[in-house]
Structures are given as C-alpha cells and as structure tokens.
Protein backbone atom coordinates (compact mmCIF):
# COMPACT_ATOMS: atom_id res chain seq x y z
CA MET A 1 62.51 -38.15 -40.34
CA THR A 2 62.91 -35.42 -37.78
CA LYS A 3 60.54 -33.16 -39.69
CA LYS A 4 57.89 -35.90 -39.89
CA PHE A 5 58.32 -36.64 -36.19
CA ASN A 6 58.00 -32.97 -35.27
CA HIS A 7 54.95 -32.69 -37.51
CA ARG A 8 53.35 -35.62 -35.71
CA ILE A 9 54.12 -34.10 -32.33
CA THR A 10 52.64 -30.80 -33.43
CA LEU A 11 49.54 -32.53 -34.78
CA ILE A 12 49.07 -34.56 -31.61
CA ALA A 13 49.52 -31.45 -29.47
CA ALA A 14 46.98 -29.59 -31.57
CA LEU A 15 44.51 -32.45 -31.25
CA CYS A 16 45.03 -32.55 -27.48
CA LEU A 17 44.44 -28.82 -27.20
CA ALA A 18 41.32 -29.10 -29.33
CA LEU A 19 40.05 -31.95 -27.15
CA VAL A 20 40.73 -30.00 -23.96
CA ALA A 21 38.99 -26.95 -25.41
CA ALA A 22 35.99 -29.05 -26.41
CA VAL A 23 35.76 -30.57 -22.92
CA VAL A 24 35.96 -27.10 -21.34
CA VAL A 25 33.25 -25.74 -23.62
CA PHE A 26 31.04 -28.79 -23.04
CA THR A 27 31.52 -28.62 -19.28
CA THR A 28 30.77 -24.90 -19.26
CA LYS A 29 27.58 -25.45 -21.20
CA GLU A 30 26.45 -28.37 -19.04
CA LYS A 31 27.21 -26.86 -15.64
CA TYR A 32 24.05 -25.46 -14.01
CA THR A 33 24.15 -22.87 -11.29
CA PRO A 34 21.12 -23.17 -8.98
CA GLY A 35 19.15 -19.98 -8.43
CA ALA A 36 17.43 -18.55 -5.38
CA TYR A 37 13.85 -17.32 -5.63
CA ASN A 38 11.80 -15.38 -3.09
CA VAL A 39 8.02 -15.41 -2.78
CA ASN A 40 6.83 -12.69 -0.42
CA TYR A 41 3.24 -12.35 0.75
CA SER A 42 1.92 -9.21 2.41
CA PRO A 43 -1.62 -9.80 3.68
CA ASP A 44 -4.15 -7.00 3.50
CA TYR A 45 -5.72 -6.88 6.93
CA ALA A 46 -6.24 -4.42 9.76
CA VAL A 47 -3.77 -4.80 12.62
CA SER A 48 -4.37 -3.56 16.14
CA GLY A 49 -3.17 -4.50 19.60
CA ASP A 50 -5.28 -2.15 21.71
CA VAL A 51 -8.95 -2.08 22.64
CA THR A 52 -9.67 1.15 20.76
CA GLY A 53 -8.40 -0.20 17.45
CA LEU A 54 -10.04 -3.61 17.87
CA VAL A 55 -13.45 -2.11 18.67
CA ASN A 56 -13.26 0.39 15.81
CA ASN A 57 -12.46 -2.41 13.34
CA SER A 58 -15.30 -4.62 14.57
CA ASP A 59 -19.00 -4.95 13.86
CA TYR A 60 -19.44 -7.41 16.72
CA VAL A 61 -17.71 -7.96 20.06
CA VAL A 62 -18.76 -10.98 22.11
CA SER A 63 -17.62 -12.91 25.15
CA GLY A 64 -18.18 -16.60 25.78
CA HIS A 65 -16.51 -19.93 25.06
CA TYR A 66 -15.79 -22.22 22.13
CA GLU A 67 -17.99 -25.30 22.16
CA LYS A 68 -16.72 -27.66 19.42
CA PHE A 69 -14.96 -27.98 16.07
CA ILE A 70 -17.39 -27.86 13.14
CA GLU A 71 -15.39 -28.13 9.90
CA ASN A 72 -12.42 -27.09 7.83
CA TRP A 73 -13.29 -24.33 5.38
CA ASP A 74 -11.55 -23.43 2.15
CA MET A 75 -12.11 -19.68 2.12
CA GLY A 76 -10.80 -19.25 -1.42
CA GLU A 77 -7.75 -17.34 -2.68
CA ASN A 78 -5.50 -19.95 -1.01
CA HIS A 79 -6.75 -19.35 2.54
CA LEU A 80 -7.90 -22.16 4.83
CA SER A 81 -9.68 -21.89 8.16
CA GLU A 82 -11.25 -23.92 10.95
CA VAL A 83 -14.85 -23.28 11.94
CA TYR A 84 -15.93 -23.67 15.58
CA SER A 85 -19.23 -23.17 17.36
CA PHE A 86 -19.04 -20.42 19.98
CA VAL A 87 -21.51 -19.91 22.83
CA VAL A 88 -22.14 -16.21 23.39
CA ASP A 89 -22.44 -15.24 27.05
CA GLU A 90 -22.52 -11.48 26.47
CA SER A 91 -22.78 -9.30 23.39
CA LEU A 92 -20.73 -6.15 23.88
CA LEU A 93 -21.19 -4.75 20.35
CA GLY A 94 -23.77 -5.76 17.75
CA ASP A 95 -26.87 -7.89 18.11
CA VAL A 96 -25.61 -11.45 18.65
CA GLU A 97 -26.91 -14.14 20.98
CA GLY A 98 -27.00 -17.90 21.44
CA THR A 99 -24.48 -20.01 19.54
CA ILE A 100 -22.62 -18.71 16.49
CA ASN A 101 -20.05 -20.22 14.15
CA VAL A 102 -16.63 -18.58 14.16
CA SER A 103 -13.99 -19.02 11.48
CA ILE A 104 -10.33 -19.01 12.57
CA PRO A 105 -7.97 -18.69 9.57
CA HIS A 106 -5.06 -21.09 10.04
CA THR A 107 -3.18 -21.54 6.74
CA THR A 108 -2.12 -19.47 3.76
CA LEU A 109 -0.97 -21.42 0.69
CA LEU A 110 1.77 -19.77 -1.37
CA LYS A 111 2.66 -21.13 -4.81
CA TYR A 112 5.50 -20.68 -7.29
CA THR A 113 6.05 -22.31 -10.69
CA LEU A 114 9.61 -23.11 -11.81
CA ASP A 115 10.44 -25.11 -14.95
CA ASP A 116 6.76 -26.03 -15.34
CA VAL A 117 6.65 -27.51 -11.83
CA GLU A 118 4.42 -25.90 -9.20
CA TYR A 119 5.81 -25.67 -5.67
CA GLU A 120 3.57 -24.94 -2.70
CA ALA A 121 4.22 -23.89 0.89
CA ALA A 122 1.66 -23.86 3.71
CA LEU A 123 2.31 -21.05 6.19
CA ASN A 124 0.45 -20.37 9.40
CA SER A 125 -1.93 -17.43 9.33
CA PRO A 126 -1.19 -14.73 11.93
CA ASN A 127 -4.68 -15.06 13.38
CA TYR A 128 -4.37 -18.76 14.13
CA SER A 129 -4.49 -19.81 17.75
CA LYS A 130 -6.16 -23.12 18.52
CA PRO A 131 -8.95 -22.42 21.01
CA ASP A 132 -9.12 -23.93 24.48
CA PHE A 133 -12.67 -25.18 25.09
CA ASP A 134 -12.25 -24.72 28.83
CA LYS A 135 -11.42 -21.01 28.69
CA MET A 136 -13.37 -17.82 28.19
CA TYR A 137 -12.71 -15.62 25.17
CA VAL A 138 -13.57 -12.15 23.95
CA LEU A 139 -13.82 -12.04 20.15
CA PHE A 140 -13.71 -9.05 17.81
CA LEU A 141 -15.65 -10.01 14.70
CA LYS A 142 -17.14 -9.22 11.32
CA LYS A 143 -19.68 -11.27 9.36
CA ALA A 144 -18.17 -13.31 6.54
CA GLN A 145 -19.40 -12.41 3.05
CA THR A 146 -19.41 -15.90 1.51
CA LYS A 147 -20.56 -18.11 4.40
CA ASP A 148 -22.85 -17.90 7.41
CA VAL A 149 -20.02 -17.51 9.90
CA PHE A 150 -18.29 -14.75 11.81
CA GLY A 151 -14.61 -14.08 11.19
CA PRO A 152 -11.79 -11.88 12.47
CA SER A 153 -12.27 -8.13 12.18
CA SER A 154 -8.52 -7.63 12.47
CA VAL A 155 -5.29 -9.26 13.55
CA PRO A 156 -5.34 -10.33 16.35
CA PHE A 157 -9.03 -10.88 17.13
CA GLN A 158 -9.08 -13.21 20.18
CA VAL A 159 -8.50 -12.35 23.81
CA GLU A 160 -8.19 -15.35 26.13
CA VAL A 161 -9.22 -15.11 29.79
CA ASP A 162 -7.64 -17.56 32.23
CA SER A 163 -9.08 -18.94 35.47
CA ALA A 164 -7.40 -16.17 37.47
CA GLY A 165 -9.10 -13.46 35.42
CA LYS A 166 -5.98 -12.39 33.51
CA VAL A 167 -6.26 -11.79 29.78
CA ALA A 168 -3.93 -12.45 26.85
CA LEU A 169 -4.14 -11.27 23.25
CA LYS A 170 -3.74 -14.36 21.04
CA ALA A 171 -1.93 -14.51 17.70
CA ASN A 172 0.43 -16.78 15.80
CA THR A 173 4.05 -15.66 15.55
CA GLU A 174 5.60 -18.88 14.19
CA ASN A 175 6.11 -20.51 10.79
CA GLY A 176 6.40 -17.24 8.91
CA GLU A 177 8.59 -18.73 6.21
CA GLN A 178 9.48 -21.98 4.48
CA THR A 179 12.24 -22.90 2.02
CA LEU A 180 11.82 -25.61 -0.64
CA THR A 181 14.50 -27.10 -2.90
CA ALA A 182 13.60 -27.67 -6.55
CA LYS A 183 14.74 -30.70 -8.55
CA LYS A 184 17.73 -28.85 -10.07
CA GLY A 185 18.88 -27.53 -6.72
CA ASP A 186 17.18 -24.14 -6.91
CA THR A 187 15.84 -22.82 -3.62
CA ILE A 188 12.46 -21.16 -3.26
CA LYS A 189 11.90 -19.17 -0.09
CA PHE A 190 8.29 -18.47 0.81
CA HIS A 191 7.74 -15.69 3.33
CA SER A 192 4.57 -14.27 4.84
CA GLU A 193 4.68 -10.96 6.65
CA GLN A 194 4.16 -11.51 10.37
CA ILE A 195 2.98 -9.12 13.04
CA GLU A 196 5.28 -8.14 15.88
CA LEU A 197 2.75 -8.80 18.62
CA ALA A 198 4.99 -7.72 21.49
CA SER A 199 5.37 -4.23 20.03
CA ILE A 200 1.62 -3.56 19.68
CA ASP A 201 0.06 -5.60 22.49
CA LYS A 202 -1.61 -3.25 24.99
CA ILE A 203 -4.07 -5.85 26.27
CA SER A 204 -2.20 -8.86 27.66
CA GLY A 205 -1.82 -8.65 31.43
CA LEU A 206 -5.03 -6.70 32.03
CA THR A 207 -7.68 -8.12 34.30
CA LYS A 208 -10.97 -9.28 32.85
CA ASP A 209 -12.83 -6.45 34.61
CA ALA A 210 -10.44 -3.82 33.26
CA LEU A 211 -10.75 -5.24 29.75
CA PHE A 212 -14.56 -5.18 29.85
CA ARG A 213 -14.63 -1.62 31.19
CA GLU A 214 -12.36 -0.47 28.37
CA ILE A 215 -14.38 -2.32 25.73
CA LYS A 216 -17.65 -0.78 26.94
CA THR A 217 -16.07 2.68 26.98
CA GLN A 218 -14.83 2.32 23.41
CA VAL A 219 -18.13 0.83 22.21
CA ALA A 220 -19.99 3.82 23.68
CA ALA A 221 -17.58 6.20 21.96
CA LYS A 222 -18.05 4.37 18.66
CA GLU A 223 -21.84 4.55 18.93
CA GLU A 224 -21.71 8.28 19.72
CA SER A 225 -19.55 8.98 16.67
CA LYS A 226 -22.09 7.48 14.24
C-alpha cells in the first residue's frame, strides 16, 4: 500500500513538474519584447548663415513682399511645399521682375515598414517659416527644375525685415523628431537632421541698409569671379 501510495505521489509530482515546465516554455515562446527602431534622415542641402554663403549659393536674390498663398505642391520624394506669389521690389542678383511664385518647403514625410504595416511621420522642413504678408523679405533663390517656381538656394533662404528696419534670418528649428508606437508595442523614432541656426546666423540683428550693402558687395565679387 505504501509503495503504491508513494508511486502515486511520485507520478503526480512528475506530472506537476511537466505541467509547470510546459507553462514556462509556452510563456517564454508567447512573450514578445517590443523593439525600438530609428529612422534618421539627413537632407542634402547647402547650409549658410552669412551673406557671402547665401549669395554664392544663389542664382537670384530679390527683395519685396509675399502677396498671397497659391497652392500646396507635392515636390516628389516625400517633400511637400507651399507656393506663394511674391512681388519683387528690387532684383539684387539675376534678372527677375514683377511677380514670381516662390515655393517654401514645409514638410518631409518619413516612412518605415514593420510587420507589413507602413508607418509615416510628417516632420517640419528646416526652411519652413510661414510668411507675413505685411513684412518685407529678402530671398535667396534658385529656379525649380520641375515647376515654374523659384525655391530656396540653401537653408535658410529668407531674411525678414521688420518695420524698424531690423532683419532676421528665418528658419524652422522645431519638430525635428517624432515617435510612433506600433501595434505590438514597438517604438519607431523618426528624426530629421536640424540646423543649429544660432551657431551660424551672422545676419539677424543687422539693419536693412547694412544687409543690402553686404549683399551688393558679395554680388559684385561673385560677378567678378566668373
């Protein structure tokens, strides 16, 4: 009797151990550890914060004011922009007059596919600064290749002039990254390289007259070097 009882106890204990082992194995297999994924974007554009660099990167330099919003433009390769009409008061470099259309890039779309699901983040472009229709601007431009508009020659490309005649180099320094959570708990961090405007800005704080003198000096030097 004792032997049969001990045998039963041993059998029950073995079954319990087997059950525990099975649960552990099952739990281990089913447990999912969320991952972290990084999507980094490094734009290929010229960067300058002084008049010399901006003029050298440009085919056109104009002063004037924005008149009105024209349209949103899908530039391709996941870049979106806003197109505005711009009234040219003075052409400082290049042959431009009257009213032109200027494209201001505002969004870069970054995408990542995980488990057959595509995730997308919309990050602000470094050149984006919504124009003030009541202020004067100096723009450093190139002609777009795929549309009859002018676009930035570099980052930044807009200088804003206030009513007191002080100027400020305009650029976006916000929304450089965004984190999304996938359905299994994975995190996807989208990051776009941003410019450190404060470290390169040699224009903000100048007077309008000083800015124009420097632009004309650099334009003359550029023309002489051709």
